[in-house]
Amino acid sequence: MNPPKAAIADRAELLAYAYAMENEAAERYQDLADQMFACNNDDVAELFARLAAIEAKHAKELVEVHGASPAPMAPGAYRWDSLESPENLPFAEMHYLMVPHQALQLALAAERRALLFYRDIAEQTDSDDIRALASEFAAEEAEHVRIVEEWLERYPPADNGWDEDMDPPMSH
């Protein structure tokens, strides 16, 4: 994951990126938890709800501890590699029958993208302040990676045919 196309200009800009990443991840995890609860996939729903709470806590800490503004930058001002922040989970990879192991694999990939995002910023900046803050955020993301990896050990991978539903949902 590369940092924004142009270098982070200052602490406020880095905090804006960090807040956006944490806030968007919290919202996406909660959306996914709600979807999984609606599909009666409670194990996965509870994992996503727990991850949403962790991300929301970090967004709040960015405001309270580091002074990040909760106001987003202007639409289009974020210079991510894709349309979404590195920590967002792609809806296209979700399936209502997924098992916790699969959900955690998606979360792990998102946390690793966030980790690489901050490491890249820390490595590419000339500012000691931005390097220190990006390194701190990278360390937090490394802890998230460790937590998700630990959770992954608790859940077995999906069996073959995991996505076969003899009574699939129907839309009207």
Protein backbone atom coordinates (compact mmCIF):
# COMPACT_ATOMS: atom_id res chain seq x y z
CA MET A 1 0.00 0.00 0.00
CA ASN A 2 1.49 3.28 -1.04
CA PRO A 3 0.96 6.50 0.86
CA PRO A 4 -0.94 9.28 -0.87
CA LYS A 5 0.47 10.30 -4.24
CA ALA A 6 1.91 13.50 -2.76
CA ALA A 7 3.68 13.42 0.57
CA ILE A 8 1.68 14.13 3.71
CA ALA A 9 2.11 17.85 4.23
CA ASP A 10 1.75 18.09 8.00
CA ARG A 11 0.45 16.52 11.19
CA ALA A 12 -3.13 17.72 10.60
CA GLU A 13 -3.24 16.02 7.20
CA LEU A 14 -1.88 12.75 8.59
CA LEU A 15 -4.46 12.89 11.38
CA ALA A 16 -7.20 13.52 8.79
CA TYR A 17 -6.15 10.38 6.91
CA ALA A 18 -5.90 8.36 10.12
CA TYR A 19 -9.30 9.50 11.36
CA ALA A 20 -10.91 8.75 7.99
CA MET A 21 -9.39 5.27 7.94
CA GLU A 22 -10.49 4.39 11.47
CA ASN A 23 -13.94 5.93 11.12
CA GLU A 24 -14.61 4.29 7.73
CA ALA A 25 -13.38 0.93 9.04
CA ALA A 26 -15.69 1.20 12.06
CA GLU A 27 -18.65 2.02 9.81
CA ARG A 28 -17.87 -0.79 7.37
CA TYR A 29 -17.36 -3.38 10.11
CA GLN A 30 -20.68 -2.32 11.68
CA ASP A 31 -22.46 -2.50 8.30
CA LEU A 32 -21.06 -5.99 7.83
CA ALA A 33 -22.06 -7.00 11.35
CA ASP A 34 -25.60 -5.81 10.65
CA GLN A 35 -25.67 -7.77 7.38
CA MET A 36 -24.45 -10.92 9.08
CA PHE A 37 -26.98 -10.56 11.92
CA ALA A 38 -29.74 -10.16 9.30
CA CYS A 39 -28.55 -13.40 7.67
CA ASN A 40 -28.51 -15.17 11.06
CA ASN A 41 -24.74 -15.57 10.85
CA ASP A 42 -24.26 -14.52 14.45
CA ASP A 43 -20.65 -15.72 14.90
CA VAL A 44 -19.40 -13.56 12.05
CA ALA A 45 -21.69 -10.70 13.04
CA GLU A 46 -20.26 -10.65 16.55
CA LEU A 47 -16.69 -10.60 15.21
CA PHE A 48 -17.45 -7.67 12.94
CA ALA A 49 -19.24 -5.84 15.76
CA ARG A 50 -16.18 -6.31 17.98
CA LEU A 51 -13.90 -4.99 15.22
CA ALA A 52 -16.25 -2.03 14.67
CA ALA A 53 -16.00 -1.15 18.36
CA ILE A 54 -12.18 -1.33 18.26
CA GLU A 55 -11.99 0.93 15.21
CA ALA A 56 -14.51 3.41 16.66
CA LYS A 57 -12.45 3.57 19.85
CA HIS A 58 -9.33 4.38 17.82
CA ALA A 59 -11.14 7.08 15.86
CA LYS A 60 -12.26 8.64 19.14
CA GLU A 61 -8.71 8.45 20.54
CA LEU A 62 -7.38 10.24 17.44
CA VAL A 63 -9.65 13.17 18.26
CA GLU A 64 -9.19 13.16 22.03
CA VAL A 65 -5.49 12.28 22.29
CA HIS A 66 -3.98 13.59 19.06
CA GLY A 67 -6.35 16.44 18.24
CA ALA A 68 -7.62 15.06 14.94
CA SER A 69 -10.59 16.85 13.46
CA PRO A 70 -13.66 14.63 13.08
CA ALA A 71 -14.65 16.72 10.06
CA PRO A 72 -13.71 14.90 6.87
CA MET A 73 -11.59 16.45 4.19
CA ALA A 74 -13.41 17.47 1.03
CA PRO A 75 -14.65 14.63 -1.17
CA GLY A 76 -11.90 13.68 -3.56
CA ALA A 77 -9.20 15.20 -1.35
CA TYR A 78 -8.09 11.80 -0.08
CA ARG A 79 -5.47 10.32 -2.36
CA TRP A 80 -5.90 6.61 -1.68
CA ASP A 81 -4.64 3.99 -4.12
CA SER A 82 -8.28 3.05 -4.73
CA LEU A 83 -11.67 4.62 -4.10
CA GLU A 84 -11.64 3.56 -0.46
CA SER A 85 -9.19 3.82 2.40
CA PRO A 86 -6.71 0.97 2.81
CA GLU A 87 -8.48 -0.34 5.91
CA ASN A 88 -11.90 -0.80 4.33
CA LEU A 89 -13.22 -4.27 3.60
CA PRO A 90 -14.63 -4.75 0.11
CA PHE A 91 -18.36 -5.54 0.12
CA ALA A 92 -17.84 -7.66 -3.01
CA GLU A 93 -15.89 -10.21 -0.97
CA MET A 94 -18.68 -10.70 1.54
CA HIS A 95 -21.00 -13.69 1.46
CA TYR A 96 -23.91 -14.23 3.80
CA LEU A 97 -22.77 -17.80 4.53
CA MET A 98 -19.13 -16.99 5.24
CA VAL A 99 -17.59 -18.48 8.35
CA PRO A 100 -15.64 -16.55 11.00
CA HIS A 101 -12.30 -17.67 9.51
CA GLN A 102 -13.20 -16.05 6.18
CA ALA A 103 -14.37 -12.85 7.85
CA LEU A 104 -11.13 -12.67 9.79
CA GLN A 105 -9.09 -13.21 6.62
CA LEU A 106 -10.78 -10.12 5.15
CA ALA A 107 -10.14 -8.16 8.35
CA LEU A 108 -6.51 -9.30 8.39
CA ALA A 109 -5.98 -8.08 4.83
CA ALA A 110 -7.48 -4.68 5.75
CA GLU A 111 -5.34 -4.33 8.86
CA ARG A 112 -2.22 -5.27 6.90
CA ARG A 113 -3.05 -2.65 4.25
CA ALA A 114 -3.38 -0.02 6.99
CA LEU A 115 -0.08 -1.13 8.53
CA LEU A 116 1.71 -0.82 5.19
CA PHE A 117 0.09 2.56 4.55
CA TYR A 118 1.57 4.02 7.74
CA ARG A 119 4.93 2.30 7.30
CA ASP A 120 5.22 3.76 3.81
CA ILE A 121 4.46 7.24 5.12
CA ALA A 122 7.02 6.87 7.91
CA GLU A 123 9.67 5.68 5.44
CA GLN A 124 9.01 8.33 2.80
CA THR A 125 8.64 11.51 4.85
CA ASP A 126 11.37 14.00 5.66
CA SER A 127 9.48 15.22 8.73
CA ASP A 128 10.49 13.76 12.09
CA ASP A 129 7.04 14.60 13.51
CA ILE A 130 5.16 12.83 10.70
CA ARG A 131 7.58 9.89 10.85
CA ALA A 132 7.04 9.50 14.60
CA LEU A 133 3.25 9.74 14.33
CA ALA A 134 3.04 7.42 11.32
CA SER A 135 5.30 4.93 13.14
CA GLU A 136 3.00 5.10 16.18
CA PHE A 137 -0.03 4.42 13.97
CA ALA A 138 1.84 1.59 12.22
CA ALA A 139 2.54 0.03 15.63
CA GLU A 140 -1.17 0.23 16.49
CA GLU A 141 -2.05 -1.44 13.18
CA ALA A 142 0.59 -4.11 13.83
CA GLU A 143 -1.21 -4.81 17.10
CA HIS A 144 -4.50 -5.12 15.19
CA VAL A 145 -2.81 -7.58 12.82
CA ARG A 146 -1.59 -9.59 15.80
CA ILE A 147 -5.06 -9.66 17.37
CA VAL A 148 -6.75 -10.79 14.16
CA GLU A 149 -4.07 -13.44 13.58
CA GLU A 150 -4.68 -14.69 17.12
CA TRP A 151 -8.44 -14.84 16.49
CA LEU A 152 -7.83 -16.69 13.22
CA GLU A 153 -6.18 -19.53 15.14
CA ARG A 154 -9.46 -20.11 16.99
CA TYR A 155 -11.57 -20.68 13.88
CA PRO A 156 -11.10 -23.39 11.25
CA PRO A 157 -11.22 -22.56 7.54
CA ALA A 158 -14.50 -23.13 5.71
CA ASP A 159 -15.36 -26.61 4.52
CA ASN A 160 -15.77 -27.27 0.80
CA GLY A 161 -19.23 -26.26 -0.33
CA TRP A 162 -19.55 -23.66 2.41
CA ASP A 163 -21.47 -21.33 0.06
CA GLU A 164 -24.11 -23.87 -1.03
CA ASP A 165 -27.53 -22.85 0.24
CA MET A 166 -30.44 -25.22 -0.34
CA ASP A 167 -32.84 -22.38 0.48
CA PRO A 168 -31.22 -19.17 -0.78
CA PRO A 169 -32.70 -15.78 0.06
CA MET A 170 -35.05 -14.32 -2.51
CA SER A 171 -35.76 -10.69 -3.22
CA HIS A 172 -39.20 -9.49 -4.12
